Amino acid sequence: MAAQPQPQPVATFSSREFAHDLANVKRAAQKGPVFITDRGRPTYALMKIEDFRRLSNSGAPPQSLLDVMDSLPATGGIEFEPTRLEGVVNPADLDD
């Protein structure tokens, strides 16, 4: 049985840190994905080109967003069960 790949650490840098210390950000990207934040919220992701090509499956059929998210190494074991929004969205009335 093949060994499971270890989850890659996700480093986070503010946009200011990214602009002022690109060398450190690039070193972090060698170890795993890097999130760049703007006002505390992730806005960009930086990764090695090899990882990007593996995720984009060049030449392969397109994947759903869920498939891509499931394939990210740092997302293993995350459960997501959205709550139902009862009464918030009404069906469209197309009989007019």
N, C-alpha and C. Protein backbone atom coordinates (compact mmCIF):
# COMPACT_ATOMS: atom_id res chain seq x y z
N MET A 1 0.84 -1.18 0.00
CA MET A 1 0.00 0.00 0.00
C MET A 1 0.89 1.24 0.00
N ALA A 2 0.58 2.20 -0.86
CA ALA A 2 1.38 3.42 -0.97
C ALA A 2 1.10 4.33 0.23
N ALA A 3 2.13 5.03 0.65
CA ALA A 3 1.98 5.96 1.77
C ALA A 3 1.16 7.17 1.34
N GLN A 4 0.29 7.63 2.23
CA GLN A 4 -0.51 8.82 1.95
C GLN A 4 0.39 10.06 2.00
N PRO A 5 0.23 11.00 1.07
CA PRO A 5 1.02 12.22 1.13
C PRO A 5 0.65 13.03 2.37
N GLN A 6 1.66 13.61 2.98
CA GLN A 6 1.44 14.44 4.16
C GLN A 6 0.82 15.77 3.76
N PRO A 7 -0.15 16.29 4.55
CA PRO A 7 -0.71 17.60 4.22
C PRO A 7 0.38 18.66 4.24
N GLN A 8 0.31 19.55 3.27
CA GLN A 8 1.29 20.63 3.21
C GLN A 8 0.84 21.77 4.13
N PRO A 9 1.78 22.40 4.81
CA PRO A 9 1.40 23.54 5.65
C PRO A 9 0.94 24.70 4.77
N VAL A 10 0.00 25.49 5.27
CA VAL A 10 -0.46 26.67 4.56
C VAL A 10 0.05 27.88 5.32
N ALA A 11 0.92 28.66 4.68
CA ALA A 11 1.43 29.89 5.29
C ALA A 11 0.52 31.04 4.87
N THR A 12 0.41 32.02 5.73
CA THR A 12 -0.42 33.19 5.45
C THR A 12 0.40 34.44 5.63
N PHE A 13 0.32 35.35 4.64
CA PHE A 13 1.02 36.63 4.68
C PHE A 13 0.03 37.73 4.33
N SER A 14 0.18 38.86 4.98
CA SER A 14 -0.63 40.01 4.59
C SER A 14 -0.10 40.55 3.26
N SER A 15 -0.91 41.34 2.58
CA SER A 15 -0.45 41.91 1.31
C SER A 15 0.76 42.81 1.54
N ARG A 16 0.83 43.45 2.68
CA ARG A 16 1.98 44.29 3.02
C ARG A 16 3.24 43.44 3.19
N GLU A 17 3.11 42.31 3.92
CA GLU A 17 4.26 41.41 4.09
C GLU A 17 4.70 40.86 2.73
N PHE A 18 3.74 40.53 1.89
CA PHE A 18 4.04 40.01 0.56
C PHE A 18 4.86 41.03 -0.23
N ALA A 19 4.45 42.29 -0.20
CA ALA A 19 5.13 43.33 -0.96
C ALA A 19 6.53 43.62 -0.42
N HIS A 20 6.70 43.51 0.89
CA HIS A 20 7.98 43.90 1.49
C HIS A 20 8.96 42.75 1.69
N ASP A 21 8.49 41.50 1.62
CA ASP A 21 9.39 40.37 1.88
C ASP A 21 9.07 39.21 0.93
N LEU A 22 9.16 39.48 -0.36
CA LEU A 22 8.82 38.47 -1.36
C LEU A 22 9.70 37.23 -1.24
N ALA A 23 10.95 37.41 -0.89
CA ALA A 23 11.85 36.26 -0.77
C ALA A 23 11.35 35.28 0.29
N ASN A 24 10.88 35.78 1.41
CA ASN A 24 10.36 34.93 2.47
C ASN A 24 9.07 34.23 2.03
N VAL A 25 8.22 34.93 1.30
CA VAL A 25 6.98 34.35 0.79
C VAL A 25 7.30 33.22 -0.20
N LYS A 26 8.28 33.44 -1.07
CA LYS A 26 8.66 32.41 -2.04
C LYS A 26 9.24 31.19 -1.33
N ARG A 27 10.00 31.40 -0.25
CA ARG A 27 10.53 30.25 0.52
C ARG A 27 9.38 29.47 1.13
N ALA A 28 8.39 30.16 1.64
CA ALA A 28 7.22 29.49 2.23
C ALA A 28 6.46 28.70 1.16
N ALA A 29 6.38 29.24 -0.06
CA ALA A 29 5.67 28.56 -1.15
C ALA A 29 6.38 27.28 -1.58
N GLN A 30 7.67 27.15 -1.32
CA GLN A 30 8.39 25.91 -1.61
C GLN A 30 7.91 24.78 -0.71
N LYS A 31 7.38 25.13 0.47
CA LYS A 31 6.92 24.13 1.44
C LYS A 31 5.45 23.80 1.29
N GLY A 32 4.68 24.70 0.69
CA GLY A 32 3.24 24.47 0.54
C GLY A 32 2.55 25.74 0.09
N PRO A 33 1.22 25.69 -0.04
CA PRO A 33 0.48 26.85 -0.50
C PRO A 33 0.64 28.04 0.43
N VAL A 34 0.55 29.22 -0.14
CA VAL A 34 0.65 30.47 0.62
C VAL A 34 -0.62 31.28 0.35
N PHE A 35 -1.27 31.73 1.41
CA PHE A 35 -2.42 32.62 1.27
C PHE A 35 -1.95 34.05 1.49
N ILE A 36 -2.38 34.95 0.61
CA ILE A 36 -2.11 36.38 0.74
C ILE A 36 -3.42 37.02 1.19
N THR A 37 -3.37 37.76 2.29
CA THR A 37 -4.59 38.35 2.81
C THR A 37 -4.64 39.85 2.53
N ASP A 38 -5.85 40.35 2.46
CA ASP A 38 -6.10 41.78 2.33
C ASP A 38 -7.12 42.13 3.41
N ARG A 39 -6.71 42.95 4.33
CA ARG A 39 -7.55 43.32 5.49
C ARG A 39 -7.99 42.09 6.27
N GLY A 40 -7.07 41.13 6.40
CA GLY A 40 -7.31 39.95 7.22
C GLY A 40 -8.06 38.82 6.52
N ARG A 41 -8.46 39.01 5.28
CA ARG A 41 -9.20 37.97 4.56
C ARG A 41 -8.35 37.43 3.41
N PRO A 42 -8.28 36.09 3.26
CA PRO A 42 -7.51 35.53 2.15
C PRO A 42 -8.07 36.00 0.81
N THR A 43 -7.19 36.53 -0.05
CA THR A 43 -7.62 37.02 -1.36
C THR A 43 -6.87 36.36 -2.50
N TYR A 44 -5.69 35.83 -2.25
CA TYR A 44 -4.90 35.18 -3.29
C TYR A 44 -4.24 33.93 -2.70
N ALA A 45 -3.91 33.00 -3.59
CA ALA A 45 -3.15 31.82 -3.20
C ALA A 45 -1.94 31.71 -4.12
N LEU A 46 -0.79 31.44 -3.54
CA LEU A 46 0.46 31.28 -4.28
C LEU A 46 0.93 29.86 -4.07
N MET A 47 1.34 29.21 -5.17
CA MET A 47 1.86 27.85 -5.07
C MET A 47 2.90 27.61 -6.14
N LYS A 48 3.67 26.53 -5.96
CA LYS A 48 4.66 26.16 -6.97
C LYS A 48 3.94 25.80 -8.26
N ILE A 49 4.58 26.07 -9.38
CA ILE A 49 3.96 25.79 -10.68
C ILE A 49 3.67 24.30 -10.85
N GLU A 50 4.52 23.44 -10.29
CA GLU A 50 4.27 22.00 -10.37
C GLU A 50 2.96 21.64 -9.68
N ASP A 51 2.70 22.24 -8.52
CA ASP A 51 1.45 21.98 -7.80
C ASP A 51 0.26 22.51 -8.59
N PHE A 52 0.42 23.69 -9.18
CA PHE A 52 -0.67 24.26 -9.99
C PHE A 52 -1.00 23.35 -11.17
N ARG A 53 0.03 22.89 -11.85
CA ARG A 53 -0.20 22.01 -13.01
C ARG A 53 -0.86 20.71 -12.60
N ARG A 54 -0.44 20.17 -11.46
CA ARG A 54 -1.06 18.94 -10.96
C ARG A 54 -2.53 19.19 -10.65
N LEU A 55 -2.84 20.31 -10.02
CA LEU A 55 -4.23 20.63 -9.67
C LEU A 55 -5.07 20.96 -10.89
N SER A 56 -4.46 21.59 -11.89
CA SER A 56 -5.23 21.99 -13.06
C SER A 56 -5.42 20.84 -14.04
N ASN A 57 -4.69 19.73 -13.83
CA ASN A 57 -4.82 18.55 -14.69
C ASN A 57 -4.77 18.92 -16.16
N SER A 58 -3.71 19.56 -16.59
CA SER A 58 -3.57 19.99 -17.98
C SER A 58 -3.94 18.87 -18.94
N GLY A 59 -4.93 19.15 -19.80
CA GLY A 59 -5.37 18.19 -20.78
C GLY A 59 -6.44 17.24 -20.28
N ALA A 60 -6.68 17.20 -18.98
CA ALA A 60 -7.69 16.31 -18.42
C ALA A 60 -9.05 17.01 -18.45
N PRO A 61 -10.13 16.24 -18.35
CA PRO A 61 -11.44 16.88 -18.31
C PRO A 61 -11.56 17.80 -17.10
N PRO A 62 -12.36 18.86 -17.19
CA PRO A 62 -12.49 19.78 -16.07
C PRO A 62 -13.08 19.09 -14.85
N GLN A 63 -12.67 19.56 -13.67
CA GLN A 63 -13.18 19.02 -12.42
C GLN A 63 -14.15 20.03 -11.81
N SER A 64 -15.03 19.54 -10.97
CA SER A 64 -15.91 20.43 -10.25
C SER A 64 -15.10 21.12 -9.14
N LEU A 65 -15.63 22.21 -8.64
CA LEU A 65 -14.96 22.91 -7.53
C LEU A 65 -14.81 21.98 -6.34
N LEU A 66 -15.81 21.16 -6.07
CA LEU A 66 -15.73 20.22 -4.95
C LEU A 66 -14.59 19.22 -5.15
N ASP A 67 -14.43 18.72 -6.38
CA ASP A 67 -13.33 17.79 -6.66
C ASP A 67 -11.98 18.45 -6.43
N VAL A 68 -11.84 19.68 -6.89
CA VAL A 68 -10.58 20.40 -6.71
C VAL A 68 -10.31 20.63 -5.24
N MET A 69 -11.31 21.08 -4.50
CA MET A 69 -11.12 21.33 -3.07
C MET A 69 -10.77 20.04 -2.33
N ASP A 70 -11.40 18.92 -2.71
CA ASP A 70 -11.08 17.64 -2.08
C ASP A 70 -9.66 17.20 -2.38
N SER A 71 -9.10 17.63 -3.51
CA SER A 71 -7.75 17.20 -3.89
C SER A 71 -6.65 18.03 -3.23
N LEU A 72 -6.99 19.17 -2.63
CA LEU A 72 -5.97 20.00 -1.98
C LEU A 72 -5.44 19.28 -0.75
N PRO A 73 -4.12 19.21 -0.60
CA PRO A 73 -3.55 18.42 0.49
C PRO A 73 -3.90 18.95 1.88
N ALA A 74 -4.06 20.23 2.06
CA ALA A 74 -4.29 20.78 3.39
C ALA A 74 -5.76 20.75 3.79
N THR A 75 -6.65 20.14 2.99
CA THR A 75 -8.07 20.14 3.30
C THR A 75 -8.58 18.79 3.77
N GLY A 76 -7.71 17.83 3.94
CA GLY A 76 -8.15 16.51 4.37
C GLY A 76 -8.83 16.55 5.72
N GLY A 77 -9.93 15.84 5.84
CA GLY A 77 -10.61 15.73 7.12
C GLY A 77 -11.56 16.87 7.44
N ILE A 78 -11.71 17.83 6.54
CA ILE A 78 -12.62 18.94 6.80
C ILE A 78 -14.02 18.51 6.38
N GLU A 79 -14.97 18.61 7.31
CA GLU A 79 -16.36 18.29 7.02
C GLU A 79 -17.10 19.58 6.74
N PHE A 80 -17.94 19.58 5.74
CA PHE A 80 -18.73 20.77 5.40
C PHE A 80 -20.16 20.35 5.17
N GLU A 81 -21.04 20.81 6.01
CA GLU A 81 -22.46 20.53 5.87
C GLU A 81 -23.19 21.86 6.01
N PRO A 82 -23.51 22.51 4.88
CA PRO A 82 -24.16 23.81 4.96
C PRO A 82 -25.56 23.70 5.55
N THR A 83 -25.96 24.71 6.28
CA THR A 83 -27.31 24.72 6.83
C THR A 83 -28.29 25.07 5.73
N ARG A 84 -29.49 24.52 5.84
CA ARG A 84 -30.53 24.80 4.85
C ARG A 84 -31.12 26.16 5.16
N LEU A 85 -31.36 26.95 4.14
CA LEU A 85 -31.94 28.28 4.28
C LEU A 85 -33.44 28.19 4.00
N GLU A 86 -34.18 27.74 4.96
CA GLU A 86 -35.63 27.59 4.80
C GLU A 86 -36.28 28.96 4.73
N GLY A 87 -37.10 29.18 3.72
CA GLY A 87 -37.88 30.40 3.63
C GLY A 87 -37.12 31.63 3.16
N VAL A 88 -35.82 31.51 2.94
CA VAL A 88 -35.03 32.66 2.52
C VAL A 88 -35.12 32.84 1.00
N VAL A 89 -35.11 31.74 0.29
CA VAL A 89 -35.18 31.78 -1.18
C VAL A 89 -36.51 31.21 -1.60
N ASN A 90 -37.30 32.00 -2.31
CA ASN A 90 -38.59 31.54 -2.79
C ASN A 90 -38.47 31.10 -4.25
N PRO A 91 -39.21 30.07 -4.64
CA PRO A 91 -39.15 29.65 -6.04
C PRO A 91 -39.71 30.73 -6.96
N ALA A 92 -39.18 30.78 -8.16
CA ALA A 92 -39.64 31.77 -9.15
C ALA A 92 -41.02 31.39 -9.66
N ASP A 93 -41.87 32.40 -9.84
CA ASP A 93 -43.20 32.19 -10.39
C ASP A 93 -43.12 32.51 -11.88
N LEU A 94 -43.16 31.49 -12.73
CA LEU A 94 -43.00 31.66 -14.17
C LEU A 94 -44.33 31.64 -14.90
N ASP A 95 -45.45 31.72 -14.18
CA ASP A 95 -46.77 31.66 -14.81
C ASP A 95 -47.29 33.02 -15.29
N ASP A 96 -46.57 34.10 -15.11
CA ASP A 96 -47.04 35.44 -15.52
C ASP A 96 -46.98 35.62 -16.99
